[in-house]
PDB file of N, CA and C in Angstrom:
ATOM      1  N   MET A   1     -96.048 131.608  65.135  1.00  0.00           N
ATOM      2  CA  MET A   1     -94.882 130.903  64.388  1.00  0.00           C
ATOM      3  C   MET A   1     -93.712 131.015  65.380  1.00  0.00           C
ATOM      4  N   ILE A   2     -93.018 129.970  65.501  1.00  0.00           N
ATOM      5  CA  ILE A   2     -91.782 129.774  66.179  1.00  0.00           C
ATOM      6  C   ILE A   2     -90.587 130.265  65.442  1.00  0.00           C
ATOM      7  N   ASP A   3     -89.820 131.156  65.968  1.00  0.00           N
ATOM      8  CA  ASP A   3     -88.737 131.784  65.166  1.00  0.00           C
ATOM      9  C   ASP A   3     -87.428 131.043  65.701  1.00  0.00           C
ATOM     10  N   SER A   4     -86.313 131.083  65.085  1.00  0.00           N
ATOM     11  CA  SER A   4     -85.078 130.430  65.421  1.00  0.00           C
ATOM     12  C   SER A   4     -84.517 130.882  66.599  1.00  0.00           C
ATOM     13  N   SER A   5     -84.882 132.023  67.167  1.00  0.00           N
ATOM     14  CA  SER A   5     -84.287 132.545  68.476  1.00  0.00           C
ATOM     15  C   SER A   5     -84.766 131.695  69.712  1.00  0.00           C
ATOM     16  N   TYR A   6     -85.842 130.955  69.368  1.00  0.00           N
ATOM     17  CA  TYR A   6     -86.407 130.041  70.444  1.00  0.00           C
ATOM     18  C   TYR A   6     -85.448 128.947  70.790  1.00  0.00           C
ATOM     19  N   TYR A   7     -84.801 128.566  69.838  1.00  0.00           N
ATOM     20  CA  TYR A   7     -83.754 127.493  69.985  1.00  0.00           C
ATOM     21  C   TYR A   7     -82.293 127.948  70.122  1.00  0.00           C
ATOM     22  N   ASN A   8     -82.299 129.365  70.116  1.00  0.00           N
ATOM     23  CA  ASN A   8     -80.868 130.001  70.118  1.00  0.00           C
ATOM     24  C   ASN A   8     -79.990 129.532  69.051  1.00  0.00           C
ATOM     25  N   LEU A   9     -80.617 129.422  67.860  1.00  0.00           N
ATOM     26  CA  LEU A   9     -79.805 128.934  66.601  1.00  0.00           C
ATOM     27  C   LEU A   9     -80.109 130.001  65.608  1.00  0.00           C
ATOM     28  N   SER A  10     -78.948 130.500  64.843  1.00  0.00           N
ATOM     29  CA  SER A  10     -79.185 131.227  63.837  1.00  0.00           C
ATOM     30  C   SER A  10     -79.535 130.450  62.577  1.00  0.00           C
ATOM     31  N   SER A  11     -79.977 131.211  61.433  1.00  0.00           N
ATOM     32  CA  SER A  11     -80.316 130.585  60.160  1.00  0.00           C
ATOM     33  C   SER A  11     -79.234 129.719  59.672  1.00  0.00           C
ATOM     34  N   THR A  12     -78.029 130.069  59.719  1.00  0.00           N
ATOM     35  CA  THR A  12     -76.846 129.379  59.356  1.00  0.00           C
ATOM     36  C   THR A  12     -76.619 128.170  60.163  1.00  0.00           C
ATOM     37  N   ASP A  13     -77.042 128.053  61.332  1.00  0.00           N
ATOM     38  CA  ASP A  13     -76.836 126.985  62.250  1.00  0.00           C
ATOM     39  C   ASP A  13     -77.989 125.815  62.017  1.00  0.00           C
ATOM     40  N   ILE A  14     -79.106 126.427  61.582  1.00  0.00           N
ATOM     41  CA  ILE A  14     -80.199 125.321  61.195  1.00  0.00           C
ATOM     42  C   ILE A  14     -79.836 124.611  59.904  1.00  0.00           C
ATOM     43  N   ILE A  15     -79.450 125.325  58.844  1.00  0.00           N
ATOM     44  CA  ILE A  15     -79.128 124.804  57.593  1.00  0.00           C
ATOM     45  C   ILE A  15     -77.698 124.566  57.524  1.00  0.00           C
ATOM     46  N   LYS A  16     -77.306 123.269  57.396  1.00  0.00           N
ATOM     47  CA  LYS A  16     -75.915 123.007  57.469  1.00  0.00           C
ATOM     48  C   LYS A  16     -75.298 122.999  56.086  1.00  0.00           C
ATOM     49  N   TYR A  17     -75.786 122.108  55.214  1.00  0.00           N
ATOM     50  CA  TYR A  17     -75.234 122.153  53.659  1.00  0.00           C
ATOM     51  C   TYR A  17     -76.373 121.284  52.941  1.00  0.00           C
ATOM     52  N   PRO A  18     -76.434 121.534  51.594  1.00  0.00           N
ATOM     53  CA  PRO A  18     -77.142 120.835  50.619  1.00  0.00           C
ATOM     54  C   PRO A  18     -76.644 119.529  50.361  1.00  0.00           C
ATOM     55  N   ILE A  19     -77.554 118.753  50.035  1.00  0.00           N
ATOM     56  CA  ILE A  19     -77.225 117.319  49.528  1.00  0.00           C
ATOM     57  C   ILE A  19     -77.251 117.253  48.105  1.00  0.00           C
ATOM     58  N   ILE A  20     -76.014 116.866  47.436  1.00  0.00           N
ATOM     59  CA  ILE A  20     -76.023 116.783  46.156  1.00  0.00           C
ATOM     60  C   ILE A  20     -75.556 115.262  45.718  1.00  0.00           C
ATOM     61  N   THR A  21     -76.687 114.564  45.485  1.00  0.00           N
ATOM     62  CA  THR A  21     -76.639 113.215  45.113  1.00  0.00           C
ATOM     63  C   THR A  21     -77.430 113.081  43.968  1.00  0.00           C
ATOM     64  N   ASP A  22     -77.451 111.824  43.369  1.00  0.00           N
ATOM     65  CA  ASP A  22     -78.210 111.375  42.012  1.00  0.00           C
ATOM     66  C   ASP A  22     -79.671 111.729  42.331  1.00  0.00           C
ATOM     67  N   LYS A  23     -80.174 111.350  43.483  1.00  0.00           N
ATOM     68  CA  LYS A  23     -81.592 111.437  43.647  1.00  0.00           C
ATOM     69  C   LYS A  23     -81.847 112.801  43.972  1.00  0.00           C
ATOM     70  N   ALA A  24     -81.075 113.641  44.510  1.00  0.00           N
ATOM     71  CA  ALA A  24     -81.160 115.081  44.931  1.00  0.00           C
ATOM     72  C   ALA A  24     -81.237 115.874  43.535  1.00  0.00           C
ATOM     73  N   THR A  25     -80.453 115.557  42.698  1.00  0.00           N
ATOM     74  CA  THR A  25     -80.447 116.313  41.342  1.00  0.00           C
ATOM     75  C   THR A  25     -81.640 115.977  40.507  1.00  0.00           C
ATOM     76  N   ARG A  26     -82.146 114.774  40.768  1.00  0.00           N
ATOM     77  CA  ARG A  26     -83.434 114.475  40.017  1.00  0.00           C
ATOM     78  C   ARG A  26     -84.567 115.296  40.639  1.00  0.00           C
ATOM     79  N   LEU A  27     -84.554 115.476  41.859  1.00  0.00           N
ATOM     80  CA  LEU A  27     -85.634 116.320  42.613  1.00  0.00           C
ATOM     81  C   LEU A  27     -85.450 117.693  42.109  1.00  0.00           C
ATOM     82  N   LEU A  28     -84.398 118.203  41.657  1.00  0.00           N
ATOM     83  CA  LEU A  28     -84.372 119.559  41.238  1.00  0.00           C
ATOM     84  C   LEU A  28     -85.200 119.967  40.032  1.00  0.00           C
ATOM     85  N   GLU A  29     -85.528 118.893  39.265  1.00  0.00           N
ATOM     86  CA  GLU A  29     -86.433 119.095  38.101  1.00  0.00           C
ATOM     87  C   GLU A  29     -87.791 119.555  38.698  1.00  0.00           C
ATOM     88  N   ASN A  30     -88.297 118.964  39.872  1.00  0.00           N
ATOM     89  CA  ASN A  30     -89.550 119.275  40.405  1.00  0.00           C
ATOM     90  C   ASN A  30     -89.498 120.386  41.411  1.00  0.00           C
ATOM     91  N   ASN A  31     -88.275 121.237  41.358  1.00  0.00           N
ATOM     92  CA  ASN A  31     -88.002 122.355  42.203  1.00  0.00           C
ATOM     93  C   ASN A  31     -88.136 122.107  43.685  1.00  0.00           C
ATOM     94  N   GLN A  32     -87.503 120.937  43.987  1.00  0.00           N
ATOM     95  CA  GLN A  32     -87.327 120.301  45.366  1.00  0.00           C
ATOM     96  C   GLN A  32     -85.680 120.394  45.608  1.00  0.00           C
ATOM     97  N   TYR A  33     -85.445 120.830  46.739  1.00  0.00           N
ATOM     98  CA  TYR A  33     -83.918 120.949  47.267  1.00  0.00           C
ATOM     99  C   TYR A  33     -83.828 120.186  48.431  1.00  0.00           C
ATOM    100  N   SER A  34     -82.830 119.478  48.637  1.00  0.00           N
ATOM    101  CA  SER A  34     -82.464 118.665  49.767  1.00  0.00           C
ATOM    102  C   SER A  34     -81.360 119.272  50.649  1.00  0.00           C
ATOM    103  N   PHE A  35     -81.559 119.344  51.952  1.00  0.00           N
ATOM    104  CA  PHE A  35     -80.467 119.900  52.888  1.00  0.00           C
ATOM    105  C   PHE A  35     -80.410 119.084  54.050  1.00  0.00           C
ATOM    106  N   ILE A  36     -79.178 119.054  54.613  1.00  0.00           N
ATOM    107  CA  ILE A  36     -78.869 118.464  55.991  1.00  0.00           C
ATOM    108  C   ILE A  36     -79.297 119.565  56.822  1.00  0.00           C
ATOM    109  N   VAL A  37     -79.887 119.320  57.941  1.00  0.00           N
ATOM    110  CA  VAL A  37     -80.443 120.426  58.909  1.00  0.00           C
ATOM    111  C   VAL A  37     -80.088 120.129  60.295  1.00  0.00           C
ATOM    112  N   ASN A  38     -80.048 120.929  61.320  1.00  0.00           N
ATOM    113  CA  ASN A  38     -79.997 120.542  62.644  1.00  0.00           C
ATOM    114  C   ASN A  38     -81.045 119.733  63.098  1.00  0.00           C
ATOM    115  N   PRO A  39     -80.823 118.438  63.724  1.00  0.00           N
ATOM    116  CA  PRO A  39     -81.653 117.458  64.105  1.00  0.00           C
ATOM    117  C   PRO A  39     -82.823 118.127  65.117  1.00  0.00           C
ATOM    118  N   SER A  40     -82.472 119.277  65.964  1.00  0.00           N
ATOM    119  CA  SER A  40     -83.441 119.529  66.803  1.00  0.00           C
ATOM    120  C   SER A  40     -84.479 120.549  66.237  1.00  0.00           C
ATOM    121  N   SER A  41     -84.278 121.067  65.011  1.00  0.00           N
ATOM    122  CA  SER A  41     -85.009 122.009  64.388  1.00  0.00           C
ATOM    123  C   SER A  41     -86.255 121.391  63.733  1.00  0.00           C
ATOM    124  N   ASP A  42     -87.395 122.306  63.884  1.00  0.00           N
ATOM    125  CA  ASP A  42     -88.692 121.660  63.146  1.00  0.00           C
ATOM    126  C   ASP A  42     -88.971 122.455  61.986  1.00  0.00           C
ATOM    127  N   LYS A  43     -90.156 122.019  61.337  1.00  0.00           N
ATOM    128  CA  LYS A  43     -90.277 122.431  59.842  1.00  0.00           C
ATOM    129  C   LYS A  43     -90.604 123.879  59.869  1.00  0.00           C
ATOM    130  N   LEU A  44     -91.045 124.626  60.976  1.00  0.00           N
ATOM    131  CA  LEU A  44     -91.415 126.021  60.777  1.00  0.00           C
ATOM    132  C   LEU A  44     -90.041 126.865  60.914  1.00  0.00           C
ATOM    133  N   THR A  45     -89.028 126.384  61.665  1.00  0.00           N
ATOM    134  CA  THR A  45     -87.806 127.020  61.783  1.00  0.00           C
ATOM    135  C   THR A  45     -86.936 126.653  60.458  1.00  0.00           C
ATOM    136  N   ILE A  46     -87.048 125.592  59.914  1.00  0.00           N
ATOM    137  CA  ILE A  46     -86.338 125.336  58.677  1.00  0.00           C
ATOM    138  C   ILE A  46     -87.019 126.178  57.618  1.00  0.00           C
ATOM    139  N   LYS A  47     -88.323 126.433  57.520  1.00  0.00           N
ATOM    140  CA  LYS A  47     -88.956 127.255  56.390  1.00  0.00           C
ATOM    141  C   LYS A  47     -88.433 128.582  56.654  1.00  0.00           C
ATOM    142  N   ALA A  48     -88.370 129.147  57.821  1.00  0.00           N
ATOM    143  CA  ALA A  48     -88.084 130.417  58.137  1.00  0.00           C
ATOM    144  C   ALA A  48     -86.469 130.630  57.720  1.00  0.00           C
ATOM    145  N   ALA A  49     -85.664 129.745  57.908  1.00  0.00           N
ATOM    146  CA  ALA A  49     -84.291 129.922  57.649  1.00  0.00           C
ATOM    147  C   ALA A  49     -84.128 129.787  56.096  1.00  0.00           C
ATOM    148  N   ILE A  50     -84.679 128.936  55.509  1.00  0.00           N
ATOM    149  CA  ILE A  50     -84.711 128.769  54.022  1.00  0.00           C
ATOM    150  C   ILE A  50     -84.981 130.095  53.421  1.00  0.00           C
ATOM    151  N   GLU A  51     -86.080 130.595  53.652  1.00  0.00           N
ATOM    152  CA  GLU A  51     -86.771 131.888  53.149  1.00  0.00           C
ATOM    153  C   GLU A  51     -85.877 133.027  53.473  1.00  0.00           C
ATOM    154  N   TYR A  52     -85.211 133.020  54.653  1.00  0.00           N
ATOM    155  CA  TYR A  52     -84.276 134.218  55.054  1.00  0.00           C
ATOM    156  C   TYR A  52     -83.009 134.156  54.206  1.00  0.00           C
ATOM    157  N   LEU A  53     -82.379 132.834  54.301  1.00  0.00           N
ATOM    158  CA  LEU A  53     -81.057 132.764  53.601  1.00  0.00           C
ATOM    159  C   LEU A  53     -81.065 133.021  52.082  1.00  0.00           C
ATOM    160  N   PHE A  54     -82.253 132.357  51.350  1.00  0.00           N
ATOM    161  CA  PHE A  54     -82.164 132.266  49.803  1.00  0.00           C
ATOM    162  C   PHE A  54     -83.164 133.279  49.229  1.00  0.00           C
ATOM    163  N   ASN A  55     -83.969 133.874  50.031  1.00  0.00           N
ATOM    164  CA  ASN A  55     -84.959 134.918  49.546  1.00  0.00           C
ATOM    165  C   ASN A  55     -85.841 134.234  48.592  1.00  0.00           C
ATOM    166  N   VAL A  56     -86.473 133.140  48.946  1.00  0.00           N
ATOM    167  CA  VAL A  56     -87.402 132.405  48.121  1.00  0.00           C
ATOM    168  C   VAL A  56     -88.826 132.172  48.859  1.00  0.00           C
ATOM    169  N   LYS A  57     -89.724 131.612  48.284  1.00  0.00           N
ATOM    170  CA  LYS A  57     -91.054 131.239  48.974  1.00  0.00           C
ATOM    171  C   LYS A  57     -91.261 129.656  48.996  1.00  0.00           C
ATOM    172  N   VAL A  58     -91.247 129.228  50.187  1.00  0.00           N
ATOM    173  CA  VAL A  58     -91.104 127.737  50.553  1.00  0.00           C
ATOM    174  C   VAL A  58     -92.695 127.430  50.555  1.00  0.00           C
ATOM    175  N   ILE A  59     -92.959 126.375  49.865  1.00  0.00           N
ATOM    176  CA  ILE A  59     -94.402 125.739  49.715  1.00  0.00           C
ATOM    177  C   ILE A  59     -94.581 124.686  50.890  1.00  0.00           C
ATOM    178  N   LYS A  60     -93.549 123.641  50.636  1.00  0.00           N
ATOM    179  CA  LYS A  60     -93.700 122.530  51.611  1.00  0.00           C
ATOM    180  C   LYS A  60     -92.463 121.971  51.889  1.00  0.00           C
ATOM    181  N   ILE A  61     -92.362 121.356  53.151  1.00  0.00           N
ATOM    182  CA  ILE A  61     -91.105 120.846  53.779  1.00  0.00           C
ATOM    183  C   ILE A  61     -91.441 119.502  54.202  1.00  0.00           C
ATOM    184  N   ASN A  62     -90.552 118.484  53.746  1.00  0.00           N
ATOM    185  CA  ASN A  62     -90.741 117.017  54.187  1.00  0.00           C
ATOM    186  C   ASN A  62     -89.447 116.779  55.040  1.00  0.00           C
ATOM    187  N   THR A  63     -89.443 116.282  56.096  1.00  0.00           N
ATOM    188  CA  THR A  63     -88.213 115.970  56.859  1.00  0.00           C
ATOM    189  C   THR A  63     -88.228 114.432  57.367  1.00  0.00           C
ATOM    190  N   CYS A  64     -87.110 114.015  57.597  1.00  0.00           N
ATOM    191  CA  CYS A  64     -86.805 112.573  58.062  1.00  0.00           C
ATOM    192  C   CYS A  64     -85.508 112.426  58.732  1.00  0.00           C
ATOM    193  N   HIS A  65     -85.537 111.741  60.029  1.00  0.00           N
ATOM    194  CA  HIS A  65     -84.314 111.501  60.831  1.00  0.00           C
ATOM    195  C   HIS A  65     -83.771 110.304  60.215  1.00  0.00           C
ATOM    196  N   LEU A  66     -82.509 110.403  59.844  1.00  0.00           N
ATOM    197  CA  LEU A  66     -81.744 109.162  59.282  1.00  0.00           C
ATOM    198  C   LEU A  66     -81.008 108.561  60.472  1.00  0.00           C
ATOM    199  N   PRO A  67     -80.936 107.199  60.644  1.00  0.00           N
ATOM    200  CA  PRO A  67     -80.244 106.663  61.800  1.00  0.00           C
ATOM    201  C   PRO A  67     -78.756 106.641  61.576  1.00  0.00           C
ATOM    202  N   LYS A  68     -78.048 106.337  62.495  1.00  0.00           N
ATOM    203  CA  LYS A  68     -76.629 106.067  62.524  1.00  0.00           C
ATOM    204  C   LYS A  68     -76.334 104.983  61.698  1.00  0.00           C
ATOM    205  N   LYS A  69     -75.164 105.144  60.932  1.00  0.00           N
ATOM    206  CA  LYS A  69     -74.792 103.995  60.181  1.00  0.00           C
ATOM    207  C   LYS A  69     -73.347 103.327  60.543  1.00  0.00           C
ATOM    208  N   THR A  70     -73.363 102.063  60.678  1.00  0.00           N
ATOM    209  CA  THR A  70     -72.044 101.363  61.076  1.00  0.00           C
ATOM    210  C   THR A  70     -70.958 101.234  59.887  1.00  0.00           C
ATOM    211  N   LYS A  71     -69.847 101.803  60.216  1.00  0.00           N
ATOM    212  CA  LYS A  71     -68.813 101.623  59.267  1.00  0.00           C
ATOM    213  C   LYS A  71     -67.507 100.983  59.761  1.00  0.00           C
ATOM    214  N   ARG A  72     -66.990 100.317  58.923  1.00  0.00           N
ATOM    215  CA  ARG A  72     -65.805  99.482  59.208  1.00  0.00           C
ATOM    216  C   ARG A  72     -64.543 100.017  58.516  1.00  0.00           C
ATOM    217  N   VAL A  73     -63.378 100.284  59.045  1.00  0.00           N
ATOM    218  CA  VAL A  73     -62.193 100.612  58.448  1.00  0.00           C
ATOM    219  C   VAL A  73     -61.085  99.656  59.013  1.00  0.00           C
ATOM    220  N   GLY A  74     -60.937  98.704  58.249  1.00  0.00           N
ATOM    221  CA  GLY A  74     -60.045  97.695  58.791  1.00  0.00           C
ATOM    222  C   GLY A  74     -60.628  96.980  59.861  1.00  0.00           C
ATOM    223  N   ALA A  75     -59.809  96.784  60.980  1.00  0.00           N
ATOM    224  CA  ALA A  75     -60.149  96.276  62.071  1.00  0.00           C
ATOM    225  C   ALA A  75     -61.082  97.234  63.023  1.00  0.00           C
ATOM    226  N   PHE A  76     -61.302  98.375  62.819  1.00  0.00           N
ATOM    227  CA  PHE A  76     -61.938  99.320  63.705  1.00  0.00           C
ATOM    228  C   PHE A  76     -63.359  99.516  63.185  1.00  0.00           C
ATOM    229  N   LEU A  77     -64.194  99.551  64.250  1.00  0.00           N
ATOM    230  CA  LEU A  77     -65.704  99.591  63.928  1.00  0.00           C
ATOM    231  C   LEU A  77     -66.131 100.869  64.500  1.00  0.00           C
ATOM    232  N   GLY A  78     -66.735 101.628  63.657  1.00  0.00           N
ATOM    233  CA  GLY A  78     -67.254 103.042  64.161  1.00  0.00           C
ATOM    234  C   GLY A  78     -68.643 103.271  63.594  1.00  0.00           C
ATOM    235  N   SER A  79     -69.162 104.573  63.860  1.00  0.00           N
ATOM    236  CA  SER A  79     -70.398 104.829  63.241  1.00  0.00           C
ATOM    237  C   SER A  79     -70.351 106.168  62.703  1.00  0.00           C
ATOM    238  N   LYS A  80     -71.133 106.456  61.716  1.00  0.00           N
ATOM    239  CA  LYS A  80     -71.432 107.680  61.037  1.00  0.00           C
ATOM    240  C   LYS A  80     -72.509 108.447  61.985  1.00  0.00           C
ATOM    241  N   PRO A  81     -72.507 109.827  62.219  1.00  0.00           N
ATOM    242  CA  PRO A  81     -73.432 110.480  63.139  1.00  0.00           C
ATOM    243  C   PRO A  81     -74.878 110.395  62.621  1.00  0.00           C
ATOM    244  N   HIS A  82     -75.754 110.571  63.582  1.00  0.00           N
ATOM    245  CA  HIS A  82     -77.372 110.776  63.092  1.00  0.00           C
ATOM    246  C   HIS A  82     -77.384 112.137  62.519  1.00  0.00           C
ATOM    247  N   TYR A  83     -78.293 112.127  61.465  1.00  0.00           N
ATOM    248  CA  TYR A  83     -78.562 113.609  60.961  1.00  0.00           C
ATOM    249  C   TYR A  83     -80.047 113.656  60.472  1.00  0.00           C
ATOM    250  N   LYS A  84     -80.498 114.799  60.087  1.00  0.00           N
ATOM    251  CA  LYS A  84     -81.841 115.056  59.669  1.00  0.00           C
ATOM    252  C   LYS A  84     -81.710 115.745  58.356  1.00  0.00           C
ATOM    253  N   LYS A  85     -82.610 115.080  57.593  1.00  0.00           N
ATOM    254  CA  LYS A  85     -82.775 115.528  56.147  1.00  0.00           C
ATOM    255  C   LYS A  85     -84.006 116.408  55.877  1.00  0.00           C
ATOM    256  N   ALA A  86     -83.843 117.423  55.109  1.00  0.00           N
ATOM    257  CA  ALA A  86     -85.186 118.134  54.836  1.00  0.00           C
ATOM    258  C   ALA A  86     -85.140 118.324  53.309  1.00  0.00           C
ATOM    259  N   ILE A  87     -86.436 118.075  52.653  1.00  0.00           N
ATOM    260  CA  ILE A  87     -86.560 118.168  51.302  1.00  0.00           C
ATOM    261  C   ILE A  87     -87.700 119.416  51.189  1.00  0.00           C
ATOM    262  N   VAL A  88     -87.022 120.447  50.491  1.00  0.00           N
ATOM    263  CA  VAL A  88     -87.753 121.619  50.531  1.00  0.00           C
ATOM    264  C   VAL A  88     -88.424 121.925  49.159  1.00  0.00           C
ATOM    265  N   THR A  89     -89.840 122.159  48.973  1.00  0.00           N
ATOM    266  CA  THR A  89     -90.372 122.441  47.882  1.00  0.00           C
ATOM    267  C   THR A  89     -90.617 123.788  47.753  1.00  0.00           C
ATOM    268  N   LEU A  90     -90.235 124.522  46.517  1.00  0.00           N
ATOM    269  CA  LEU A  90     -90.258 126.027  46.467  1.00  0.00           C
ATOM    270  C   LEU A  90     -91.380 126.239  45.375  1.00  0.00           C
ATOM    271  N   SER A  91     -91.890 127.502  45.401  1.00  0.00           N
ATOM    272  CA  SER A  91     -92.746 127.917  44.368  1.00  0.00           C
ATOM    273  C   SER A  91     -92.231 127.970  43.086  1.00  0.00           C
ATOM    274  N   GLU A  92     -93.021 127.810  41.960  1.00  0.00           N
ATOM    275  CA  GLU A  92     -92.405 127.586  40.558  1.00  0.00           C
ATOM    276  C   GLU A  92     -91.661 128.873  40.234  1.00  0.00           C
ATOM    277  N   ALA A  93     -91.884 130.107  40.649  1.00  0.00           N
ATOM    278  CA  ALA A  93     -91.115 131.188  40.287  1.00  0.00           C
ATOM    279  C   ALA A  93     -89.768 131.295  41.010  1.00  0.00           C
ATOM    280  N   ASP A  94     -89.523 130.480  41.961  1.00  0.00           N
ATOM    281  CA  ASP A  94     -88.230 130.716  42.851  1.00  0.00           C
ATOM    282  C   ASP A  94     -87.259 129.436  42.425  1.00  0.00           C
ATOM    283  N   THR A  95     -85.882 129.703  42.519  1.00  0.00           N
ATOM    284  CA  THR A  95     -84.902 128.831  42.362  1.00  0.00           C
ATOM    285  C   THR A  95     -83.763 128.961  43.396  1.00  0.00           C
ATOM    286  N   ILE A  96     -83.028 128.153  43.690  1.00  0.00           N
ATOM    287  CA  ILE A  96     -81.816 128.272  44.485  1.00  0.00           C
ATOM    288  C   ILE A  96     -80.697 127.881  43.571  1.00  0.00           C
ATOM    289  N   ASN A  97     -79.722 128.502  43.485  1.00  0.00           N
ATOM    290  CA  ASN A  97     -78.447 128.191  42.575  1.00  0.00           C
ATOM    291  C   ASN A  97     -77.392 127.465  43.520  1.00  0.00           C
ATOM    292  N   LEU A  98     -77.300 126.274  43.436  1.00  0.00           N
ATOM    293  CA  LEU A  98     -76.505 125.381  44.170  1.00  0.00           C
ATOM    294  C   LEU A  98     -75.118 125.219  43.563  1.00  0.00           C
ATOM    295  N   PHE A  99     -75.008 125.275  42.325  1.00  0.00           N
ATOM    296  CA  PHE A  99     -73.895 125.171  41.469  1.00  0.00           C
ATOM    297  C   PHE A  99     -73.427 126.524  41.094  1.00  0.00           C
ATOM    298  N   ALA A 100     -72.099 126.979  41.744  1.00  0.00           N
ATOM    299  CA  ALA A 100     -71.558 128.250  41.371  1.00  0.00           C
ATOM    300  C   ALA A 100     -71.088 128.209  39.943  1.00  0.00           C
ATOM    301  N   ASP A 101     -71.349 129.272  39.176  1.00  0.00           N
ATOM    302  CA  ASP A 101     -70.901 129.534  37.776  1.00  0.00           C
ATOM    303  C   ASP A 101     -69.468 130.265  37.946  1.00  0.00           C
ATOM    304  N   ASN A 102     -68.481 129.688  37.391  1.00  0.00           N
ATOM    305  CA  ASN A 102     -67.063 130.478  37.409  1.00  0.00           C
ATOM    306  C   ASN A 102     -66.780 130.861  36.168  1.00  0.00           C
TER     307      ASN A 102
END
């Protein structure tokens, strides 16, 4: 098993932030969570980081590289950066609380 020290990344550098969209909240019903991750990380390091940060058991990970998107603001043309998305399936006994209760 490859650990995150192989890439000189800590667990917090691998997992950037969770995705909270309509589709991602529908996936929560199936105990699947979506995260933006470091594009150079692989499934084993993502699994190790999720299990370390949230103290849960990961069953499956699906990843996809999403391309740059071109955006226009007035006369200026630019692009949003490339990113990698990971959809993590947890065991039925585990959950991650993404929404803080105040």
